[in-house]
C-alpha atoms as a PDB file:
ATOM      1  CA  MET A   1     -51.518 170.603  80.183  1.00  0.00           C
ATOM      2  CA  ILE A   2     -51.451 172.724  83.321  1.00  0.00           C
ATOM      3  CA  ASP A   3     -51.248 169.498  85.320  1.00  0.00           C
ATOM      4  CA  ARG A   4     -48.246 168.339  83.254  1.00  0.00           C
ATOM      5  CA  HIS A   5     -46.498 171.668  83.806  1.00  0.00           C
ATOM      6  CA  ALA A   6     -47.073 171.479  87.563  1.00  0.00           C
ATOM      7  CA  LYS A   7     -45.709 167.931  87.697  1.00  0.00           C
ATOM      8  CA  LEU A   8     -42.654 168.879  85.661  1.00  0.00           C
ATOM      9  CA  LYS A   9     -42.061 171.887  87.876  1.00  0.00           C
ATOM     10  CA  ARG A  10     -42.133 169.668  90.986  1.00  0.00           C
ATOM     11  CA  LEU A  11     -39.776 167.203  89.308  1.00  0.00           C
ATOM     12  CA  ALA A  12     -37.386 170.013  88.411  1.00  0.00           C
ATOM     13  CA  THR A  13     -37.449 171.239  92.013  1.00  0.00           C
ATOM     14  CA  VAL A  14     -36.716 167.746  93.319  1.00  0.00           C
ATOM     15  CA  GLN A  15     -33.917 167.327  90.778  1.00  0.00           C
ATOM     16  CA  ARG A  16     -32.338 170.637  91.857  1.00  0.00           C
ATOM     17  CA  GLN A  17     -32.495 169.372  95.435  1.00  0.00           C
ATOM     18  CA  MET A  18     -30.743 166.161  94.324  1.00  0.00           C
ATOM     19  CA  GLU A  19     -28.080 168.327  92.695  1.00  0.00           C
ATOM     20  CA  ARG A  20     -27.575 170.262  95.948  1.00  0.00           C
ATOM     21  CA  VAL A  21     -27.309 166.987  97.901  1.00  0.00           C
ATOM     22  CA  ALA A  22     -24.649 165.739  95.476  1.00  0.00           C
ATOM     23  CA  ASP A  23     -22.772 169.045  95.897  1.00  0.00           C
ATOM     24  CA  VAL A  24     -22.869 168.718  99.678  1.00  0.00           C
ATOM     25  CA  GLU A  25     -21.628 165.129  99.480  1.00  0.00           C
ATOM     26  CA  LEU A  26     -18.765 166.267  97.243  1.00  0.00           C
ATOM     27  CA  ALA A  27     -17.886 169.027  99.699  1.00  0.00           C
ATOM     28  CA  ASP A  28     -17.862 166.471 102.545  1.00  0.00           C
ATOM     29  CA  ILE A  29     -15.487 164.219 100.615  1.00  0.00           C
ATOM     30  CA  MET A  30     -13.203 167.149  99.825  1.00  0.00           C
ATOM     31  CA  ARG A  31     -13.246 168.225 103.468  1.00  0.00           C
ATOM     32  CA  GLU A  32     -12.350 164.692 104.564  1.00  0.00           C
ATOM     33  CA  ARG A  33      -9.493 164.585 102.046  1.00  0.00           C
ATOM     34  CA  ALA A  34      -8.173 167.854 103.442  1.00  0.00           C
ATOM     35  CA  LEU A  35      -8.246 166.389 106.966  1.00  0.00           C
ATOM     36  CA  VAL A  36      -6.376 163.285 105.789  1.00  0.00           C
ATOM     37  CA  ALA A  37      -3.769 165.484 104.077  1.00  0.00           C
ATOM     38  CA  ASP A  38      -3.352 167.511 107.282  1.00  0.00           C
ATOM     39  CA  LYS A  39      -2.842 164.323 109.303  1.00  0.00           C
ATOM     40  CA  ILE A  40      -0.263 163.067 106.807  1.00  0.00           C
ATOM     41  CA  ASP A  41       1.575 166.398 106.975  1.00  0.00           C
ATOM     42  CA  ALA A  42       1.551 166.299 110.783  1.00  0.00           C
ATOM     43  CA  LEU A  43       2.932 162.752 110.816  1.00  0.00           C
ATOM     44  CA  VAL A  44       5.627 163.572 108.244  1.00  0.00           C
ATOM     45  CA  SER A  45       6.703 166.611 110.232  1.00  0.00           C
ATOM     46  CA  ALA A  46       6.752 164.480 113.397  1.00  0.00           C
ATOM     47  CA  LEU A  47       8.964 161.938 111.618  1.00  0.00           C
ATOM     48  CA  ALA A  48      11.292 164.682 110.453  1.00  0.00           C
ATOM     49  CA  SER A  49      11.438 166.173 113.938  1.00  0.00           C
ATOM     50  CA  PRO A  50      14.731 165.786 115.785  1.00  0.00           C
ATOM     51  CA  ALA A  51      12.878 165.255 119.087  1.00  0.00           C
ATOM     52  CA  PRO A  52      13.739 161.870 120.614  1.00  0.00           C
ATOM     53  CA  VAL A  53      10.081 161.254 121.540  1.00  0.00           C
ATOM     54  CA  HIS A  54       9.122 161.012 117.894  1.00  0.00           C
ATOM     55  CA  ALA A  55      12.021 158.693 117.087  1.00  0.00           C
ATOM     56  CA  ASN A  56      10.493 156.043 119.342  1.00  0.00           C
ATOM     57  CA  PHE A  57       7.255 156.132 117.356  1.00  0.00           C
ATOM     58  CA  SER A  58       8.712 156.236 113.840  1.00  0.00           C
ATOM     59  CA  LYS A  59       7.463 152.756 112.940  1.00  0.00           C
ATOM     60  CA  LEU A  60       3.941 153.603 114.185  1.00  0.00           C
ATOM     61  CA  TYR A  61       3.997 156.892 112.267  1.00  0.00           C
ATOM     62  CA  GLY A  62       5.022 155.040 109.103  1.00  0.00           C
ATOM     63  CA  VAL A  63       2.113 152.601 109.449  1.00  0.00           C
ATOM     64  CA  GLN A  64      -0.316 155.475 110.062  1.00  0.00           C
ATOM     65  CA  ILE A  65       0.986 157.365 107.026  1.00  0.00           C
ATOM     66  CA  GLY A  66       0.491 154.247 104.896  1.00  0.00           C
ATOM     67  CA  LYS A  67      -3.103 153.864 106.106  1.00  0.00           C
ATOM     68  CA  LEU A  68      -3.790 157.551 105.528  1.00  0.00           C
ATOM     69  CA  LYS A  69      -2.407 157.375 101.981  1.00  0.00           C
ATOM     70  CA  ILE A  70      -4.709 154.432 101.239  1.00  0.00           C
ATOM     71  CA  ARG A  71      -7.609 156.409 102.715  1.00  0.00           C
ATOM     72  CA  ASP A  72      -6.648 159.385 100.524  1.00  0.00           C
ATOM     73  CA  GLN A  73      -6.658 157.167  97.416  1.00  0.00           C
ATOM     74  CA  ILE A  74     -10.112 155.857  98.317  1.00  0.00           C
ATOM     75  CA  LEU A  75     -11.372 159.387  98.877  1.00  0.00           C
ATOM     76  CA  THR A  76      -9.859 160.494  95.569  1.00  0.00           C
ATOM     77  CA  GLY A  77     -11.812 157.765  93.762  1.00  0.00           C
ATOM     78  CA  ARG A  78     -15.009 158.657  95.621  1.00  0.00           C
ATOM     79  CA  MET A  79     -14.449 162.327  94.800  1.00  0.00           C
ATOM     80  CA  GLN A  80     -14.114 161.592  91.085  1.00  0.00           C
ATOM     81  CA  LEU A  81     -17.315 159.530  91.123  1.00  0.00           C
ATOM     82  CA  GLN A  82     -19.126 162.242  93.064  1.00  0.00           C
ATOM     83  CA  GLN A  83     -17.972 164.909  90.606  1.00  0.00           C
ATOM     84  CA  LYS A  84     -19.469 162.852  87.779  1.00  0.00           C
ATOM     85  CA  LYS A  85     -22.669 162.489  89.780  1.00  0.00           C
ATOM     86  CA  VAL A  86     -22.860 166.256  90.358  1.00  0.00           C
ATOM     87  CA  ILE A  87     -22.461 166.883  86.632  1.00  0.00           C
ATOM     88  CA  SER A  88     -25.095 164.258  85.838  1.00  0.00           C
ATOM     89  CA  GLU A  89     -27.593 165.657  88.356  1.00  0.00           C
ATOM     90  CA  LYS A  90     -27.045 169.173  87.024  1.00  0.00           C
ATOM     91  CA  ALA A  91     -27.597 168.013  83.442  1.00  0.00           C
ATOM     92  CA  LYS A  92     -30.819 166.248  84.463  1.00  0.00           C
ATOM     93  CA  ALA A  93     -32.049 169.337  86.291  1.00  0.00           C
ATOM     94  CA  ASP A  94     -31.224 171.561  83.315  1.00  0.00           C
ATOM     95  CA  ARG A  95     -33.110 169.245  80.946  1.00  0.00           C
ATOM     96  CA  LEU A  96     -36.113 169.211  83.275  1.00  0.00           C
ATOM     97  CA  ASP A  97     -36.028 173.001  83.439  1.00  0.00           C
ATOM     98  CA  GLU A  98     -36.079 173.148  79.638  1.00  0.00           C
ATOM     99  CA  VAL A  99     -38.982 170.692  79.413  1.00  0.00           C
ATOM    100  CA  THR A 100     -40.837 172.635  82.108  1.00  0.00           C
ATOM    101  CA  ALA A 101     -40.354 175.871  80.183  1.00  0.00           C
ATOM    102  CA  GLU A 102     -41.675 174.204  77.030  1.00  0.00           C
ATOM    103  CA  ALA A 103     -44.688 172.899  78.947  1.00  0.00           C
ATOM    104  CA  LEU A 104     -45.325 176.401  80.277  1.00  0.00           C
ATOM    105  CA  GLU A 105     -45.231 177.747  76.714  1.00  0.00           C
ATOM    106  CA  VAL A 106     -47.791 175.119  75.683  1.00  0.00           C
ATOM    107  CA  VAL A 107     -50.021 176.085  78.619  1.00  0.00           C
ATOM    108  CA  GLU A 108     -49.743 179.765  77.696  1.00  0.00           C
ATOM    109  CA  ARG A 109     -50.524 178.997  74.045  1.00  0.00           C
ATOM    110  CA  GLU A 110     -53.579 176.954  75.049  1.00  0.00           C
ATOM    111  CA  LYS A 111     -54.722 179.758  77.325  1.00  0.00           C
ATOM    112  CA  GLN A 112     -54.348 182.309  74.525  1.00  0.00           C
ATOM    113  CA  ASP A 113     -56.176 180.022  72.093  1.00  0.00           C
ATOM    114  CA  LEU A 114     -59.026 179.613  74.550  1.00  0.00           C
ATOM    115  CA  GLU A 115     -59.254 183.356  75.100  1.00  0.00           C
ATOM    116  CA  LEU A 116     -59.252 183.914  71.334  1.00  0.00           C
ATOM    117  CA  GLU A 117     -62.003 181.320  70.868  1.00  0.00           C
ATOM    118  CA  GLN A 118     -64.083 182.990  73.563  1.00  0.00           C
ATOM    119  CA  LEU A 119     -63.536 186.374  71.951  1.00  0.00           C
ATOM    120  CA  LEU A 120     -64.550 185.012  68.532  1.00  0.00           C
ATOM    121  CA  GLU A 121     -67.655 183.407  70.060  1.00  0.00           C
ATOM    122  CA  CYS A 122     -68.597 186.740  71.628  1.00  0.00           C
ATOM    123  CA  ILE A 123     -68.079 188.545  68.320  1.00  0.00           C
ATOM    124  CA  GLY A 124     -70.113 185.852  66.550  1.00  0.00           C
ATOM    125  CA  ALA A 125     -72.906 186.197  69.100  1.00  0.00           C
ATOM    126  CA  ILE A 126     -72.917 189.972  68.720  1.00  0.00           C
ATOM    127  CA  ASP A 127     -72.988 189.672  64.903  1.00  0.00           C
ATOM    128  CA  ALA A 128     -75.879 187.191  65.131  1.00  0.00           C
ATOM    129  CA  GLN A 129     -77.884 189.556  67.336  1.00  0.00           C
ATOM    130  CA  ALA A 130     -77.158 192.506  65.078  1.00  0.00           C
ATOM    131  CA  SER A 131     -78.163 190.650  61.938  1.00  0.00           C
ATOM    132  CA  ARG A 132     -81.435 189.553  63.572  1.00  0.00           C
ATOM    133  CA  LYS A 133     -82.271 193.158  64.389  1.00  0.00           C
ATOM    134  CA  PHE A 134     -81.687 194.363  60.856  1.00  0.00           C
ATOM    135  CA  HIS A 135     -83.498 191.475  59.147  1.00  0.00           C
ATOM    136  CA  ARG A 136     -86.767 191.683  61.102  1.00  0.00           C
ATOM    137  CA  PRO A 137     -89.820 192.376  58.913  1.00  0.00           C
END
């Protein structure tokens, strides 16, 4: 049972690492979405600018905004999937932690049982020696 507990503990550690990786991936997606939003804001403000330089590039800015909005939609979908993955990985890690704790309880119970058996054997051996001493003719 000790071997099972050790294996479960390693699995729980690996699962927690998987959870952290999923969190980092989610943070990367969110960071990328923020960058896309900043680019869209910059292009919109450039379009709204009264400067004649920006007026020449209005068609290009419009195309770029369209591409960035599509990119933002893709990132939004990826973010939703990643959020589900983070929740799933956390649930798996929590379940493994529970199973590991139960395995540890079993190991502790077995250890206590073994100690109790050894104690009873010692008491039995002492009783046997004492009864031999008193029953000698």
